[in-house]
Amino acid sequence: MGYLDNLAFDSRLQYLARRFGIESPLEVSSIEWKGHSFYHVSGVDQNGQRVLIEVFRIGALRKLEPVLVFEYPPPIRDLYPN
């Protein structure tokens, strides 16, 4: 399993999604920005709007690390304006 699969089936993210009113399946996508890969997890809420759940990048130990909101790359911020 790769990074995308790991995130799609992460039980903590599934729990967060339900708290936001999002039912499975979650969508995991990647964006390359300034030489780094960012993985964003989202879902569709009850109003039919796509909601961002969390953003990750690959850290120094080749493991996924959550990205702080103010560090989200502009391409991801543009996808989720709210």
PDB file of N, CA and C in Angstrom:
ATOM      1  N   MET A   1       0.835  -1.185   0.000  1.00  0.00           N
ATOM      2  CA  MET A   1       0.000   0.000   0.000  1.00  0.00           C
ATOM      3  C   MET A   1       0.879   1.248   0.000  1.00  0.00           C
ATOM      4  N   GLY A   2       0.471   2.239  -0.787  1.00  0.00           N
ATOM      5  CA  GLY A   2       1.210   3.491  -0.837  1.00  0.00           C
ATOM      6  C   GLY A   2       0.617   4.527   0.100  1.00  0.00           C
ATOM      7  N   TYR A   3       1.177   5.722   0.037  1.00  0.00           N
ATOM      8  CA  TYR A   3       0.712   6.802   0.912  1.00  0.00           C
ATOM      9  C   TYR A   3      -0.771   7.104   0.702  1.00  0.00           C
ATOM     10  N   LEU A   4      -1.214   7.117  -0.554  1.00  0.00           N
ATOM     11  CA  LEU A   4      -2.619   7.437  -0.828  1.00  0.00           C
ATOM     12  C   LEU A   4      -3.550   6.407  -0.207  1.00  0.00           C
ATOM     13  N   ASP A   5      -3.209   5.136  -0.339  1.00  0.00           N
ATOM     14  CA  ASP A   5      -4.037   4.075   0.246  1.00  0.00           C
ATOM     15  C   ASP A   5      -4.045   4.157   1.766  1.00  0.00           C
ATOM     16  N   ASN A   6      -2.890   4.416   2.351  1.00  0.00           N
ATOM     17  CA  ASN A   6      -2.810   4.527   3.812  1.00  0.00           C
ATOM     18  C   ASN A   6      -3.743   5.610   4.324  1.00  0.00           C
ATOM     19  N   LEU A   7      -3.785   6.744   3.652  1.00  0.00           N
ATOM     20  CA  LEU A   7      -4.640   7.843   4.093  1.00  0.00           C
ATOM     21  C   LEU A   7      -6.112   7.547   3.869  1.00  0.00           C
ATOM     22  N   ALA A   8      -6.438   6.917   2.761  1.00  0.00           N
ATOM     23  CA  ALA A   8      -7.844   6.650   2.435  1.00  0.00           C
ATOM     24  C   ALA A   8      -8.501   5.745   3.465  1.00  0.00           C
ATOM     25  N   PHE A   9      -7.719   4.884   4.104  1.00  0.00           N
ATOM     26  CA  PHE A   9      -8.289   3.928   5.049  1.00  0.00           C
ATOM     27  C   PHE A   9      -7.888   4.206   6.500  1.00  0.00           C
ATOM     28  N   ASP A  10      -7.335   5.373   6.767  1.00  0.00           N
ATOM     29  CA  ASP A  10      -6.905   5.732   8.120  1.00  0.00           C
ATOM     30  C   ASP A  10      -8.121   5.930   9.017  1.00  0.00           C
ATOM     31  N   SER A  11      -8.197   5.193  10.113  1.00  0.00           N
ATOM     32  CA  SER A  11      -9.379   5.245  10.980  1.00  0.00           C
ATOM     33  C   SER A  11      -9.540   6.606  11.658  1.00  0.00           C
ATOM     34  N   ARG A  12      -8.445   7.287  11.969  1.00  0.00           N
ATOM     35  CA  ARG A  12      -8.541   8.616  12.578  1.00  0.00           C
ATOM     36  C   ARG A  12      -9.159   9.617  11.609  1.00  0.00           C
ATOM     37  N   LEU A  13      -8.766   9.534  10.343  1.00  0.00           N
ATOM     38  CA  LEU A  13      -9.337  10.439   9.342  1.00  0.00           C
ATOM     39  C   LEU A  13     -10.803  10.112   9.080  1.00  0.00           C
ATOM     40  N   GLN A  14     -11.148   8.834   9.113  1.00  0.00           N
ATOM     41  CA  GLN A  14     -12.552   8.442   8.955  1.00  0.00           C
ATOM     42  C   GLN A  14     -13.382   9.036  10.093  1.00  0.00           C
ATOM     43  N   TYR A  15     -12.844   8.994  11.301  1.00  0.00           N
ATOM     44  CA  TYR A  15     -13.537   9.563  12.463  1.00  0.00           C
ATOM     45  C   TYR A  15     -13.712  11.076  12.297  1.00  0.00           C
ATOM     46  N   LEU A  16     -12.642  11.780  11.904  1.00  0.00           N
ATOM     47  CA  LEU A  16     -12.745  13.227  11.677  1.00  0.00           C
ATOM     48  C   LEU A  16     -13.780  13.546  10.609  1.00  0.00           C
ATOM     49  N   ALA A  17     -13.802  12.760   9.562  1.00  0.00           N
ATOM     50  CA  ALA A  17     -14.760  12.986   8.480  1.00  0.00           C
ATOM     51  C   ALA A  17     -16.189  12.892   9.001  1.00  0.00           C
ATOM     52  N   ARG A  18     -16.468  11.887   9.792  1.00  0.00           N
ATOM     53  CA  ARG A  18     -17.819  11.745  10.352  1.00  0.00           C
ATOM     54  C   ARG A  18     -18.173  12.937  11.233  1.00  0.00           C
ATOM     55  N   ARG A  19     -17.203  13.470  11.960  1.00  0.00           N
ATOM     56  CA  ARG A  19     -17.447  14.655  12.799  1.00  0.00           C
ATOM     57  C   ARG A  19     -17.819  15.864  11.945  1.00  0.00           C
ATOM     58  N   PHE A  20     -17.294  15.927  10.717  1.00  0.00           N
ATOM     59  CA  PHE A  20     -17.625  17.005   9.783  1.00  0.00           C
ATOM     60  C   PHE A  20     -18.907  16.711   9.006  1.00  0.00           C
ATOM     61  N   GLY A  21     -19.539  15.570   9.268  1.00  0.00           N
ATOM     62  CA  GLY A  21     -20.745  15.199   8.543  1.00  0.00           C
ATOM     63  C   GLY A  21     -20.466  14.584   7.191  1.00  0.00           C
ATOM     64  N   ILE A  22     -19.281  14.013   7.034  1.00  0.00           N
ATOM     65  CA  ILE A  22     -18.873  13.413   5.764  1.00  0.00           C
ATOM     66  C   ILE A  22     -18.904  11.902   5.908  1.00  0.00           C
ATOM     67  N   GLU A  23     -19.551  11.262   4.977  1.00  0.00           N
ATOM     68  CA  GLU A  23     -19.562   9.802   4.948  1.00  0.00           C
ATOM     69  C   GLU A  23     -18.508   9.320   3.959  1.00  0.00           C
ATOM     70  N   SER A  24     -18.082   8.099   4.115  1.00  0.00           N
ATOM     71  CA  SER A  24     -17.116   7.501   3.192  1.00  0.00           C
ATOM     72  C   SER A  24     -17.713   7.462   1.797  1.00  0.00           C
ATOM     73  N   PRO A  25     -16.951   7.413   0.776  1.00  0.00           N
ATOM     74  CA  PRO A  25     -15.503   7.279   0.758  1.00  0.00           C
ATOM     75  C   PRO A  25     -14.805   8.640   0.829  1.00  0.00           C
ATOM     76  N   LEU A  26     -13.622   8.625   1.382  1.00  0.00           N
ATOM     77  CA  LEU A  26     -12.785   9.810   1.380  1.00  0.00           C
ATOM     78  C   LEU A  26     -11.975   9.822   0.094  1.00  0.00           C
ATOM     79  N   GLU A  27     -11.652  11.012  -0.368  1.00  0.00           N
ATOM     80  CA  GLU A  27     -10.828  11.146  -1.567  1.00  0.00           C
ATOM     81  C   GLU A  27      -9.455  11.647  -1.144  1.00  0.00           C
ATOM     82  N   VAL A  28      -8.427  10.989  -1.618  1.00  0.00           N
ATOM     83  CA  VAL A  28      -7.055  11.397  -1.325  1.00  0.00           C
ATOM     84  C   VAL A  28      -6.378  11.716  -2.645  1.00  0.00           C
ATOM     85  N   SER A  29      -5.795  12.910  -2.725  1.00  0.00           N
ATOM     86  CA  SER A  29      -5.102  13.338  -3.940  1.00  0.00           C
ATOM     87  C   SER A  29      -3.746  13.902  -3.559  1.00  0.00           C
ATOM     88  N   SER A  30      -2.883  13.993  -4.547  1.00  0.00           N
ATOM     89  CA  SER A  30      -1.567  14.575  -4.284  1.00  0.00           C
ATOM     90  C   SER A  30      -1.330  15.748  -5.220  1.00  0.00           C
ATOM     91  N   ILE A  31      -0.542  16.688  -4.728  1.00  0.00           N
ATOM     92  CA  ILE A  31      -0.154  17.867  -5.503  1.00  0.00           C
ATOM     93  C   ILE A  31       1.344  18.050  -5.315  1.00  0.00           C
ATOM     94  N   GLU A  32       2.033  18.306  -6.406  1.00  0.00           N
ATOM     95  CA  GLU A  32       3.457  18.638  -6.348  1.00  0.00           C
ATOM     96  C   GLU A  32       3.566  20.159  -6.338  1.00  0.00           C
ATOM     97  N   TRP A  33       4.311  20.682  -5.387  1.00  0.00           N
ATOM     98  CA  TRP A  33       4.485  22.132  -5.308  1.00  0.00           C
ATOM     99  C   TRP A  33       5.876  22.440  -4.793  1.00  0.00           C
ATOM    100  N   LYS A  34       6.632  23.185  -5.579  1.00  0.00           N
ATOM    101  CA  LYS A  34       8.004  23.581  -5.234  1.00  0.00           C
ATOM    102  C   LYS A  34       8.863  22.383  -4.828  1.00  0.00           C
ATOM    103  N   GLY A  35       8.739  21.304  -5.586  1.00  0.00           N
ATOM    104  CA  GLY A  35       9.569  20.128  -5.362  1.00  0.00           C
ATOM    105  C   GLY A  35       9.142  19.216  -4.232  1.00  0.00           C
ATOM    106  N   HIS A  36       7.965  19.461  -3.656  1.00  0.00           N
ATOM    107  CA  HIS A  36       7.473  18.636  -2.552  1.00  0.00           C
ATOM    108  C   HIS A  36       6.109  18.053  -2.903  1.00  0.00           C
ATOM    109  N   SER A  37       5.849  16.856  -2.410  1.00  0.00           N
ATOM    110  CA  SER A  37       4.538  16.218  -2.587  1.00  0.00           C
ATOM    111  C   SER A  37       3.670  16.504  -1.371  1.00  0.00           C
ATOM    112  N   PHE A  38       2.452  16.962  -1.628  1.00  0.00           N
ATOM    113  CA  PHE A  38       1.469  17.187  -0.576  1.00  0.00           C
ATOM    114  C   PHE A  38       0.273  16.298  -0.857  1.00  0.00           C
ATOM    115  N   TYR A  39      -0.259  15.677   0.173  1.00  0.00           N
ATOM    116  CA  TYR A  39      -1.409  14.787   0.053  1.00  0.00           C
ATOM    117  C   TYR A  39      -2.560  15.416   0.821  1.00  0.00           C
ATOM    118  N   HIS A  40      -3.694  15.595   0.140  1.00  0.00           N
ATOM    119  CA  HIS A  40      -4.843  16.189   0.827  1.00  0.00           C
ATOM    120  C   HIS A  40      -6.003  15.208   0.826  1.00  0.00           C
ATOM    121  N   VAL A  41      -6.676  15.148   1.978  1.00  0.00           N
ATOM    122  CA  VAL A  41      -7.787  14.226   2.197  1.00  0.00           C
ATOM    123  C   VAL A  41      -9.055  15.062   2.289  1.00  0.00           C
ATOM    124  N   SER A  42     -10.070  14.681   1.520  1.00  0.00           N
ATOM    125  CA  SER A  42     -11.322  15.432   1.522  1.00  0.00           C
ATOM    126  C   SER A  42     -12.502  14.485   1.373  1.00  0.00           C
ATOM    127  N   GLY A  43     -13.673  15.052   1.541  1.00  0.00           N
ATOM    128  CA  GLY A  43     -14.912  14.308   1.366  1.00  0.00           C
ATOM    129  C   GLY A  43     -16.028  15.276   1.036  1.00  0.00           C
ATOM    130  N   VAL A  44     -17.191  14.750   0.761  1.00  0.00           N
ATOM    131  CA  VAL A  44     -18.347  15.575   0.413  1.00  0.00           C
ATOM    132  C   VAL A  44     -19.290  15.601   1.607  1.00  0.00           C
ATOM    133  N   ASP A  45     -19.681  16.821   2.026  1.00  0.00           N
ATOM    134  CA  ASP A  45     -20.577  16.935   3.177  1.00  0.00           C
ATOM    135  C   ASP A  45     -22.032  16.738   2.757  1.00  0.00           C
ATOM    136  N   GLN A  46     -22.941  16.887   3.710  1.00  0.00           N
ATOM    137  CA  GLN A  46     -24.362  16.645   3.449  1.00  0.00           C
ATOM    138  C   GLN A  46     -24.968  17.659   2.491  1.00  0.00           C
ATOM    139  N   ASN A  47     -24.300  18.810   2.308  1.00  0.00           N
ATOM    140  CA  ASN A  47     -24.773  19.828   1.365  1.00  0.00           C
ATOM    141  C   ASN A  47     -24.173  19.651  -0.023  1.00  0.00           C
ATOM    142  N   GLY A  48     -23.368  18.620  -0.192  1.00  0.00           N
ATOM    143  CA  GLY A  48     -22.760  18.351  -1.487  1.00  0.00           C
ATOM    144  C   GLY A  48     -21.486  19.136  -1.752  1.00  0.00           C
ATOM    145  N   GLN A  49     -20.950  19.801  -0.732  1.00  0.00           N
ATOM    146  CA  GLN A  49     -19.722  20.570  -0.908  1.00  0.00           C
ATOM    147  C   GLN A  49     -18.514  19.750  -0.472  1.00  0.00           C
ATOM    148  N   ARG A  50     -17.426  19.896  -1.225  1.00  0.00           N
ATOM    149  CA  ARG A  50     -16.199  19.193  -0.879  1.00  0.00           C
ATOM    150  C   ARG A  50     -15.552  19.898   0.308  1.00  0.00           C
ATOM    151  N   VAL A  51     -15.136  19.108   1.297  1.00  0.00           N
ATOM    152  CA  VAL A  51     -14.560  19.630   2.536  1.00  0.00           C
ATOM    153  C   VAL A  51     -13.170  19.026   2.729  1.00  0.00           C
ATOM    154  N   LEU A  52     -12.207  19.881   3.000  1.00  0.00           N
ATOM    155  CA  LEU A  52     -10.848  19.433   3.284  1.00  0.00           C
ATOM    156  C   LEU A  52     -10.775  18.917   4.715  1.00  0.00           C
ATOM    157  N   ILE A  53     -10.198  17.750   4.894  1.00  0.00           N
ATOM    158  CA  ILE A  53     -10.062  17.169   6.228  1.00  0.00           C
ATOM    159  C   ILE A  53      -8.654  17.394   6.767  1.00  0.00           C
ATOM    160  N   GLU A  54      -7.645  17.066   5.973  1.00  0.00           N
ATOM    161  CA  GLU A  54      -6.272  17.261   6.445  1.00  0.00           C
ATOM    162  C   GLU A  54      -5.303  17.213   5.269  1.00  0.00           C
ATOM    163  N   VAL A  55      -4.130  17.833   5.465  1.00  0.00           N
ATOM    164  CA  VAL A  55      -3.067  17.864   4.460  1.00  0.00           C
ATOM    165  C   VAL A  55      -1.810  17.268   5.092  1.00  0.00           C
ATOM    166  N   PHE A  56      -1.088  16.471   4.305  1.00  0.00           N
ATOM    167  CA  PHE A  56       0.138  15.814   4.770  1.00  0.00           C
ATOM    168  C   PHE A  56       1.253  16.032   3.761  1.00  0.00           C
ATOM    169  N   ARG A  57       2.483  15.864   4.231  1.00  0.00           N
ATOM    170  CA  ARG A  57       3.652  15.811   3.351  1.00  0.00           C
ATOM    171  C   ARG A  57       4.566  14.709   3.874  1.00  0.00           C
ATOM    172  N   ILE A  58       5.539  14.346   3.072  1.00  0.00           N
ATOM    173  CA  ILE A  58       6.493  13.314   3.466  1.00  0.00           C
ATOM    174  C   ILE A  58       7.627  13.988   4.237  1.00  0.00           C
ATOM    175  N   GLY A  59       7.861  13.521   5.450  1.00  0.00           N
ATOM    176  CA  GLY A  59       8.894  14.103   6.303  1.00  0.00           C
ATOM    177  C   GLY A  59      10.265  13.499   6.051  1.00  0.00           C
ATOM    178  N   ALA A  60      11.214  13.919   6.861  1.00  0.00           N
ATOM    179  CA  ALA A  60      12.603  13.484   6.716  1.00  0.00           C
ATOM    180  C   ALA A  60      12.764  11.975   6.865  1.00  0.00           C
ATOM    181  N   LEU A  61      11.916  11.343   7.663  1.00  0.00           N
ATOM    182  CA  LEU A  61      12.004   9.897   7.867  1.00  0.00           C
ATOM    183  C   LEU A  61      11.131   9.117   6.883  1.00  0.00           C
ATOM    184  N   ARG A  62      10.702   9.787   5.808  1.00  0.00           N
ATOM    185  CA  ARG A  62       9.863   9.175   4.757  1.00  0.00           C
ATOM    186  C   ARG A  62       8.510   8.732   5.305  1.00  0.00           C
ATOM    187  N   LYS A  63       8.013   9.443   6.308  1.00  0.00           N
ATOM    188  CA  LYS A  63       6.690   9.164   6.879  1.00  0.00           C
ATOM    189  C   LYS A  63       5.799  10.374   6.655  1.00  0.00           C
ATOM    190  N   LEU A  64       4.494  10.121   6.625  1.00  0.00           N
ATOM    191  CA  LEU A  64       3.541  11.212   6.469  1.00  0.00           C
ATOM    192  C   LEU A  64       3.526  12.088   7.713  1.00  0.00           C
ATOM    193  N   GLU A  65       3.548  13.404   7.496  1.00  0.00           N
ATOM    194  CA  GLU A  65       3.455  14.365   8.588  1.00  0.00           C
ATOM    195  C   GLU A  65       2.333  15.343   8.275  1.00  0.00           C
ATOM    196  N   PRO A  66       1.471  15.663   9.239  1.00  0.00           N
ATOM    197  CA  PRO A  66       0.428  16.653   8.988  1.00  0.00           C
ATOM    198  C   PRO A  66       1.054  18.027   8.764  1.00  0.00           C
ATOM    199  N   VAL A  67       0.400  18.810   7.924  1.00  0.00           N
ATOM    200  CA  VAL A  67       0.856  20.162   7.602  1.00  0.00           C
ATOM    201  C   VAL A  67      -0.021  21.149   8.362  1.00  0.00           C
ATOM    202  N   LEU A  68       0.602  22.139   8.987  1.00  0.00           N
ATOM    203  CA  LEU A  68      -0.161  23.175   9.671  1.00  0.00           C
ATOM    204  C   LEU A  68      -0.935  24.012   8.656  1.00  0.00           C
ATOM    205  N   VAL A  69      -2.084  24.497   9.050  1.00  0.00           N
ATOM    206  CA  VAL A  69      -2.970  25.212   8.120  1.00  0.00           C
ATOM    207  C   VAL A  69      -2.253  26.367   7.430  1.00  0.00           C
ATOM    208  N   PHE A  70      -1.473  27.137   8.160  1.00  0.00           N
ATOM    209  CA  PHE A  70      -0.822  28.291   7.537  1.00  0.00           C
ATOM    210  C   PHE A  70       0.311  27.889   6.589  1.00  0.00           C
ATOM    211  N   GLU A  71       0.662  26.597   6.549  1.00  0.00           N
ATOM    212  CA  GLU A  71       1.691  26.101   5.636  1.00  0.00           C
ATOM    213  C   GLU A  71       1.112  25.397   4.410  1.00  0.00           C
ATOM    214  N   TYR A  72      -0.213  25.365   4.281  1.00  0.00           N
ATOM    215  CA  TYR A  72      -0.809  24.723   3.106  1.00  0.00           C
ATOM    216  C   TYR A  72      -0.316  25.435   1.853  1.00  0.00           C
ATOM    217  N   PRO A  73       0.089  24.687   0.839  1.00  0.00           N
ATOM    218  CA  PRO A  73       0.524  25.334  -0.397  1.00  0.00           C
ATOM    219  C   PRO A  73      -0.670  25.991  -1.105  1.00  0.00           C
ATOM    220  N   PRO A  74      -0.432  27.082  -1.821  1.00  0.00           N
ATOM    221  CA  PRO A  74      -1.525  27.787  -2.505  1.00  0.00           C
ATOM    222  C   PRO A  74      -2.404  26.904  -3.390  1.00  0.00           C
ATOM    223  N   PRO A  75      -1.849  25.922  -4.124  1.00  0.00           N
ATOM    224  CA  PRO A  75      -2.755  25.106  -4.950  1.00  0.00           C
ATOM    225  C   PRO A  75      -3.821  24.369  -4.130  1.00  0.00           C
ATOM    226  N   ILE A  76      -3.495  23.966  -2.911  1.00  0.00           N
ATOM    227  CA  ILE A  76      -4.489  23.293  -2.068  1.00  0.00           C
ATOM    228  C   ILE A  76      -5.452  24.317  -1.489  1.00  0.00           C
ATOM    229  N   ARG A  77      -4.939  25.461  -1.052  1.00  0.00           N
ATOM    230  CA  ARG A  77      -5.828  26.516  -0.535  1.00  0.00           C
ATOM    231  C   ARG A  77      -6.834  26.946  -1.591  1.00  0.00           C
ATOM    232  N   ASP A  78      -6.415  26.984  -2.845  1.00  0.00           N
ATOM    233  CA  ASP A  78      -7.317  27.390  -3.930  1.00  0.00           C
ATOM    234  C   ASP A  78      -8.425  26.364  -4.174  1.00  0.00           C
ATOM    235  N   LEU A  79      -8.150  25.088  -3.903  1.00  0.00           N
ATOM    236  CA  LEU A  79      -9.166  24.047  -4.099  1.00  0.00           C
ATOM    237  C   LEU A  79     -10.277  24.108  -3.060  1.00  0.00           C
ATOM    238  N   TYR A  80      -9.938  24.601  -1.866  1.00  0.00           N
ATOM    239  CA  TYR A  80     -10.884  24.619  -0.743  1.00  0.00           C
ATOM    240  C   TYR A  80     -10.943  26.036  -0.171  1.00  0.00           C
ATOM    241  N   PRO A  81     -11.686  26.926  -0.816  1.00  0.00           N
ATOM    242  CA  PRO A  81     -11.674  28.336  -0.401  1.00  0.00           C
ATOM    243  C   PRO A  81     -12.306  28.607   0.959  1.00  0.00           C
ATOM    244  N   ASN A  82     -13.153  27.717   1.453  1.00  0.00           N
ATOM    245  CA  ASN A  82     -13.828  28.003   2.733  1.00  0.00           C
ATOM    246  C   ASN A  82     -13.075  27.414   3.872  1.00  0.00           C
TER     247      ASN A  82
END
